[in-house]
Amino acid sequence: MSEGVPFVNFITETSALLTDPNVWIAVLWVIAKIVVYFVVGRIIVRYVGRVITHMMIERKSDGKLKIDPRRTQTIGRLVNNVVSYTVNFIVLMLILSEIGVDLAPLLAGAGVMGLAIGFGAQSLVKDVITGFFIIFEDQFAVGDVIKTGNFQGTVQEIGLRVTRIKSWNGEVHIIPNGAILEVTNFSTNNSVGVADVSIAYESNIEKATEVIRRTALEVFEANENMVKEPEVLGVQALGASEVVIRVTFECKPMTHFGVGREMNAAIKKALEEEGIEIPYPRLVTFQRSV
């Protein structure tokens, strides 16, 4: 019978504990505080982007608002990442403290571990520092088309450690920020396109030039991606069987490829309507009668 006394005492104490209203009030209070910590953390992470957007608003000299969407989107994503990591860490520490975990040894151990990791993670520190300089020097931003090393494409994300670039064929390249040594940004300034039009030597150069100029102006008036009137520079080259007339046109960043295709199609159609021949390879055979 003496062996059953501890078990009976355990049952009695457990029943008394479970039926004690003060215990349940304390448990519910801890759960409520944990829920509040979690909800507040989610709210901070969710709305920090809006705060950053307002911070990036500038005023022009005429008093109107000016928003730079490139910097807003890029810095917003970076700050969101930093705030998310920081808030989640603080929320985790608060939750652990509420359930009775002693944070002093945990934080001390984390500090020692962080110091050890810092000595062995110099490349990680380099990636983070380079990422900050990329953003604050505005070298490139989310949505820009860039080329770095052997990779070229649209910037999808600039993170604390890596940059994601999506190429035209759908491939996503993940590049450590510290490995980005040289960058060519195709989205900062307007693009200049070139269209070389070949005509036959027998064609009238003045007439062909006028037709090309008129057609280029029609394309300019119909295409919103062109920012200024195209220029017909004149005869660019004298080939073996053709005369090359060059046309240049300035467009919004990275739109000159599509404008160039439209320009070539329109010029070909106009030359055909005017009876101006576009040269192409021909094979002429002579047969000698026997």
Protein backbone atom coordinates (compact mmCIF):
# COMPACT_ATOMS: atom_id res chain seq x y z
CA MET A 1 0.00 0.00 0.00
CA SER A 2 2.93 2.34 0.69
CA GLU A 3 4.01 2.12 -2.97
CA GLY A 4 0.66 3.55 -4.09
CA VAL A 5 0.89 6.59 -1.84
CA PRO A 6 3.15 8.66 -4.21
CA PHE A 7 0.86 7.89 -7.13
CA VAL A 8 -2.20 8.89 -5.13
CA ASN A 9 -0.45 12.08 -4.06
CA PHE A 10 0.45 12.82 -7.69
CA ILE A 11 -3.16 12.35 -8.79
CA THR A 12 -4.38 14.52 -5.94
CA GLU A 13 -1.94 17.31 -6.67
CA THR A 14 -2.65 17.16 -10.40
CA SER A 15 -6.40 17.31 -9.83
CA ALA A 16 -5.99 20.23 -7.47
CA LEU A 17 -3.77 21.99 -10.01
CA LEU A 18 -6.19 21.42 -12.89
CA THR A 19 -9.16 22.59 -10.90
CA ASP A 20 -7.46 25.69 -9.55
CA PRO A 21 -8.92 28.78 -11.34
CA ASN A 22 -5.77 30.79 -10.71
CA VAL A 23 -3.70 28.29 -12.68
CA TRP A 24 -6.03 28.46 -15.66
CA ILE A 25 -6.08 32.23 -15.50
CA ALA A 26 -2.28 32.30 -15.54
CA VAL A 27 -2.14 29.85 -18.48
CA LEU A 28 -4.72 31.79 -20.47
CA TRP A 29 -2.88 35.03 -19.74
CA VAL A 30 0.37 33.56 -21.08
CA ILE A 31 -1.41 32.24 -24.21
CA ALA A 32 -3.05 35.63 -24.71
CA LYS A 33 0.30 37.43 -24.51
CA ILE A 34 1.86 34.96 -26.97
CA VAL A 35 -0.98 35.56 -29.42
CA VAL A 36 -0.62 39.32 -29.00
CA TYR A 37 3.15 39.10 -29.64
CA PHE A 38 2.57 37.07 -32.78
CA VAL A 39 -0.21 39.31 -34.14
CA VAL A 40 1.72 42.52 -33.45
CA GLY A 41 4.78 41.04 -35.18
CA ARG A 42 2.71 40.17 -38.28
CA ILE A 43 1.20 43.66 -38.34
CA ILE A 44 4.63 45.32 -38.17
CA VAL A 45 6.00 43.14 -40.97
CA ARG A 46 2.91 43.69 -43.11
CA TYR A 47 2.73 47.48 -42.89
CA VAL A 48 6.42 48.37 -42.88
CA GLY A 49 6.37 48.40 -46.70
CA ARG A 50 3.79 51.16 -46.70
CA VAL A 51 5.90 53.23 -44.33
CA ILE A 52 8.94 52.83 -46.58
CA THR A 53 6.86 53.84 -49.61
CA HIS A 54 5.86 57.08 -47.88
CA MET A 55 9.46 57.72 -46.89
CA MET A 56 10.55 57.41 -50.53
CA ILE A 57 8.11 60.11 -51.69
CA GLU A 58 9.85 63.30 -52.75
CA ARG A 59 8.47 66.67 -53.71
CA LYS A 60 9.23 68.44 -56.96
CA SER A 61 9.98 72.15 -57.09
CA ASP A 62 6.38 72.82 -58.15
CA GLY A 63 5.06 71.10 -55.03
CA LYS A 64 3.84 67.93 -56.74
CA LEU A 65 4.74 64.52 -55.42
CA LYS A 66 7.41 62.53 -57.18
CA ILE A 67 7.75 58.78 -56.57
CA ASP A 68 10.70 56.75 -57.78
CA PRO A 69 9.17 53.28 -58.14
CA ARG A 70 12.53 51.61 -58.77
CA ARG A 71 14.08 52.69 -55.48
CA THR A 72 10.82 52.31 -53.58
CA GLN A 73 10.33 48.72 -54.70
CA THR A 74 13.96 47.71 -54.18
CA ILE A 75 14.56 49.33 -50.79
CA GLY A 76 11.09 48.27 -49.68
CA ARG A 77 11.86 44.61 -50.30
CA LEU A 78 15.22 44.84 -48.56
CA VAL A 79 13.81 46.63 -45.52
CA ASN A 80 10.94 44.15 -45.39
CA ASN A 81 13.46 41.31 -45.21
CA VAL A 82 15.47 43.00 -42.46
CA VAL A 83 12.37 43.92 -40.44
CA SER A 84 10.92 40.43 -40.90
CA TYR A 85 14.07 38.75 -39.56
CA THR A 86 14.36 41.20 -36.65
CA VAL A 87 10.69 41.08 -35.64
CA ASN A 88 10.54 37.29 -35.85
CA PHE A 89 13.63 37.01 -33.64
CA ILE A 90 12.19 39.39 -31.04
CA VAL A 91 8.82 37.62 -31.06
CA LEU A 92 10.56 34.27 -30.59
CA MET A 93 12.54 35.61 -27.62
CA LEU A 94 9.38 37.04 -26.02
CA ILE A 95 7.50 33.77 -26.45
CA LEU A 96 10.36 31.78 -24.92
CA SER A 97 10.47 34.15 -21.95
CA GLU A 98 6.73 33.73 -21.40
CA ILE A 99 6.99 29.94 -21.23
CA GLY A 100 9.76 30.14 -18.65
CA VAL A 101 12.93 29.78 -20.70
CA ASP A 102 15.93 31.62 -19.23
CA LEU A 103 17.15 33.89 -22.06
CA ALA A 104 20.47 34.95 -20.48
CA PRO A 105 22.38 31.70 -21.24
CA LEU A 106 20.66 31.46 -24.63
CA LEU A 107 21.68 34.99 -25.65
CA ALA A 108 25.20 34.50 -24.32
CA GLY A 109 25.56 31.28 -26.31
CA ALA A 110 24.14 32.95 -29.38
CA GLY A 111 26.66 35.78 -29.03
CA VAL A 112 29.60 33.39 -28.82
CA MET A 113 28.26 31.36 -31.73
CA GLY A 114 27.68 34.53 -33.76
CA LEU A 115 31.26 35.62 -33.12
CA ALA A 116 32.58 32.24 -34.26
CA ILE A 117 30.37 32.29 -37.33
CA GLY A 118 31.47 35.85 -38.11
CA PHE A 119 35.11 34.79 -38.36
CA GLY A 120 34.22 31.96 -40.72
CA ALA A 121 31.61 33.79 -42.77
CA GLN A 122 33.57 36.69 -44.22
CA SER A 123 32.03 36.08 -47.65
CA LEU A 124 28.55 36.39 -46.12
CA VAL A 125 29.46 39.75 -44.58
CA LYS A 126 30.87 40.85 -47.93
CA ASP A 127 27.62 39.87 -49.68
CA VAL A 128 25.51 41.86 -47.20
CA ILE A 129 27.68 44.99 -47.36
CA THR A 130 27.79 44.86 -51.16
CA GLY A 131 24.01 44.51 -51.27
CA PHE A 132 23.57 47.69 -49.23
CA PHE A 133 25.93 49.63 -51.48
CA ILE A 134 24.14 48.36 -54.60
CA ILE A 135 20.85 49.72 -53.31
CA PHE A 136 21.90 53.02 -51.78
CA GLU A 137 24.18 53.90 -54.71
CA ASP A 138 21.28 53.00 -57.01
CA GLN A 139 23.48 50.81 -59.21
CA PHE A 140 20.38 48.86 -60.24
CA ALA A 141 16.94 48.15 -58.87
CA VAL A 142 14.15 45.59 -59.08
CA GLY A 143 12.77 45.55 -62.63
CA ASP A 144 15.98 46.76 -64.28
CA VAL A 145 17.59 44.79 -67.10
CA ILE A 146 21.27 44.31 -66.28
CA LYS A 147 24.29 42.29 -67.30
CA THR A 148 26.86 41.10 -64.80
CA GLY A 149 29.52 38.61 -65.79
CA ASN A 150 27.93 36.00 -68.06
CA PHE A 151 24.39 36.66 -66.79
CA GLN A 152 21.88 39.05 -68.32
CA GLY A 153 18.22 39.51 -67.49
CA THR A 154 15.63 41.33 -65.38
CA VAL A 155 16.32 41.87 -61.67
CA GLN A 156 13.61 40.10 -59.68
CA GLU A 157 14.90 40.67 -56.16
CA ILE A 158 17.84 42.22 -54.32
CA GLY A 159 18.18 40.46 -50.98
CA LEU A 160 20.54 40.75 -48.06
CA ARG A 161 22.86 38.14 -49.54
CA VAL A 162 21.89 37.36 -53.14
CA THR A 163 20.41 38.98 -56.22
CA ARG A 164 17.96 37.11 -58.45
CA ILE A 165 18.10 37.73 -62.20
CA LYS A 166 15.60 36.23 -64.65
CA SER A 167 16.84 35.82 -68.22
CA TRP A 168 14.65 36.17 -71.30
CA ASN A 169 14.21 32.38 -71.61
CA GLY A 170 12.90 31.99 -68.05
CA GLU A 171 16.09 30.91 -66.29
CA VAL A 172 16.55 32.43 -62.81
CA HIS A 173 20.16 33.14 -61.82
CA ILE A 174 20.91 33.52 -58.10
CA ILE A 175 24.12 35.53 -57.71
CA PRO A 176 25.84 36.35 -54.38
CA ASN A 177 26.08 40.13 -54.02
CA GLY A 178 29.80 39.90 -53.31
CA ALA A 179 30.34 38.26 -56.72
CA ILE A 180 28.84 41.26 -58.57
CA LEU A 181 31.97 43.17 -59.59
CA GLU A 182 30.85 44.90 -62.79
CA VAL A 183 27.29 45.77 -63.84
CA THR A 184 25.87 47.08 -67.10
CA ASN A 185 22.42 48.60 -66.52
CA PHE A 186 20.27 48.79 -69.66
CA SER A 187 17.29 50.43 -67.93
CA THR A 188 18.77 53.69 -66.68
CA ASN A 189 18.73 55.66 -69.93
CA ASN A 190 16.77 55.51 -73.17
CA SER A 191 17.76 52.92 -75.75
CA VAL A 192 18.89 53.76 -79.28
CA GLY A 193 17.90 51.39 -82.07
CA VAL A 194 19.39 51.09 -85.55
CA ALA A 195 17.69 49.91 -88.72
CA ASP A 196 19.84 49.32 -91.82
CA VAL A 197 17.75 49.26 -95.00
CA SER A 198 19.25 47.81 -98.18
CA ILE A 199 18.15 48.97 -101.63
CA ALA A 200 19.34 48.01 -105.09
CA TYR A 201 21.96 50.06 -106.93
CA GLU A 202 19.42 50.73 -109.66
CA SER A 203 17.00 52.43 -107.24
CA ASN A 204 16.80 56.18 -106.76
CA ILE A 205 18.56 56.97 -103.47
CA GLU A 206 16.77 60.30 -102.91
CA LYS A 207 13.34 58.74 -103.41
CA ALA A 208 14.18 55.75 -101.22
CA THR A 209 15.48 58.05 -98.46
CA GLU A 210 12.30 60.12 -98.56
CA VAL A 211 10.09 57.02 -98.39
CA ILE A 212 12.09 55.67 -95.44
CA ARG A 213 11.92 59.04 -93.62
CA ARG A 214 8.16 59.31 -94.11
CA THR A 215 7.57 55.75 -92.98
CA ALA A 216 9.79 56.18 -89.90
CA LEU A 217 7.78 59.26 -88.88
CA GLU A 218 4.53 57.31 -89.24
CA VAL A 219 5.90 54.61 -86.95
CA PHE A 220 6.98 57.28 -84.46
CA GLU A 221 3.49 58.80 -84.35
CA ALA A 222 1.88 55.39 -83.80
CA ASN A 223 4.34 53.91 -81.28
CA GLU A 224 4.34 55.30 -77.74
CA ASN A 225 7.69 53.68 -76.93
CA MET A 226 9.58 56.11 -79.19
CA VAL A 227 10.61 59.29 -77.35
CA LYS A 228 11.85 61.41 -80.27
CA GLU A 229 11.60 61.53 -84.05
CA PRO A 230 13.79 59.00 -85.86
CA GLU A 231 16.69 60.20 -87.99
CA VAL A 232 17.63 58.96 -91.44
CA LEU A 233 21.42 59.31 -91.45
CA GLY A 234 21.82 58.53 -95.14
CA VAL A 235 23.96 56.01 -97.01
CA GLN A 236 25.82 53.92 -94.45
CA ALA A 237 27.62 51.45 -96.74
CA LEU A 238 28.02 50.34 -100.33
CA GLY A 239 27.80 46.56 -100.47
CA ALA A 240 28.44 44.09 -103.24
CA SER A 241 24.85 44.29 -104.49
CA GLU A 242 23.08 46.84 -102.29
CA VAL A 243 23.18 50.36 -100.90
CA VAL A 244 22.62 50.49 -97.12
CA ILE A 245 20.65 53.41 -95.67
CA ARG A 246 20.76 53.76 -91.88
CA VAL A 247 17.90 54.89 -89.62
CA THR A 248 18.32 55.56 -85.88
CA PHE A 249 15.55 55.96 -83.31
CA GLU A 250 15.50 56.62 -79.57
CA CYS A 251 13.09 54.63 -77.41
CA LYS A 252 12.22 53.97 -73.81
CA PRO A 253 14.70 51.63 -72.05
CA MET A 254 14.83 48.12 -73.54
CA THR A 255 12.01 48.71 -76.06
CA HIS A 256 14.20 49.26 -79.13
CA PHE A 257 14.05 45.60 -80.15
CA GLY A 258 10.29 45.62 -80.64
CA VAL A 259 10.33 49.08 -82.23
CA GLY A 260 13.06 47.93 -84.62
CA ARG A 261 10.98 44.97 -85.79
CA GLU A 262 8.00 47.22 -86.37
CA MET A 263 10.19 49.73 -88.20
CA ASN A 264 11.66 47.09 -90.53
CA ALA A 265 8.23 45.69 -91.42
CA ALA A 266 6.80 49.14 -92.14
CA ILE A 267 9.77 50.22 -94.29
CA LYS A 268 9.68 46.99 -96.33
CA LYS A 269 5.98 47.44 -97.03
CA ALA A 270 6.45 51.10 -98.01
CA LEU A 271 9.34 50.31 -100.37
CA GLU A 272 7.30 47.61 -102.08
CA GLU A 273 4.38 50.00 -102.57
CA GLU A 274 6.71 52.59 -104.13
CA GLY A 275 8.32 50.02 -106.43
CA ILE A 276 11.75 50.37 -104.80
CA GLU A 277 13.59 47.08 -105.04
CA ILE A 278 15.16 45.43 -102.03
CA PRO A 279 18.10 43.34 -103.32
CA TYR A 280 18.36 39.63 -102.65
CA PRO A 281 20.67 36.89 -103.95
CA ARG A 282 19.82 35.62 -107.43
CA LEU A 283 21.11 32.84 -109.59
CA VAL A 284 21.20 33.39 -113.35
CA THR A 285 22.01 30.47 -115.63
CA PHE A 286 22.96 30.72 -119.29
CA GLN A 287 22.42 27.85 -121.69
CA ARG A 288 24.38 27.66 -124.89
CA SER A 289 22.51 26.24 -127.82
CA VAL A 290 24.24 23.31 -129.51
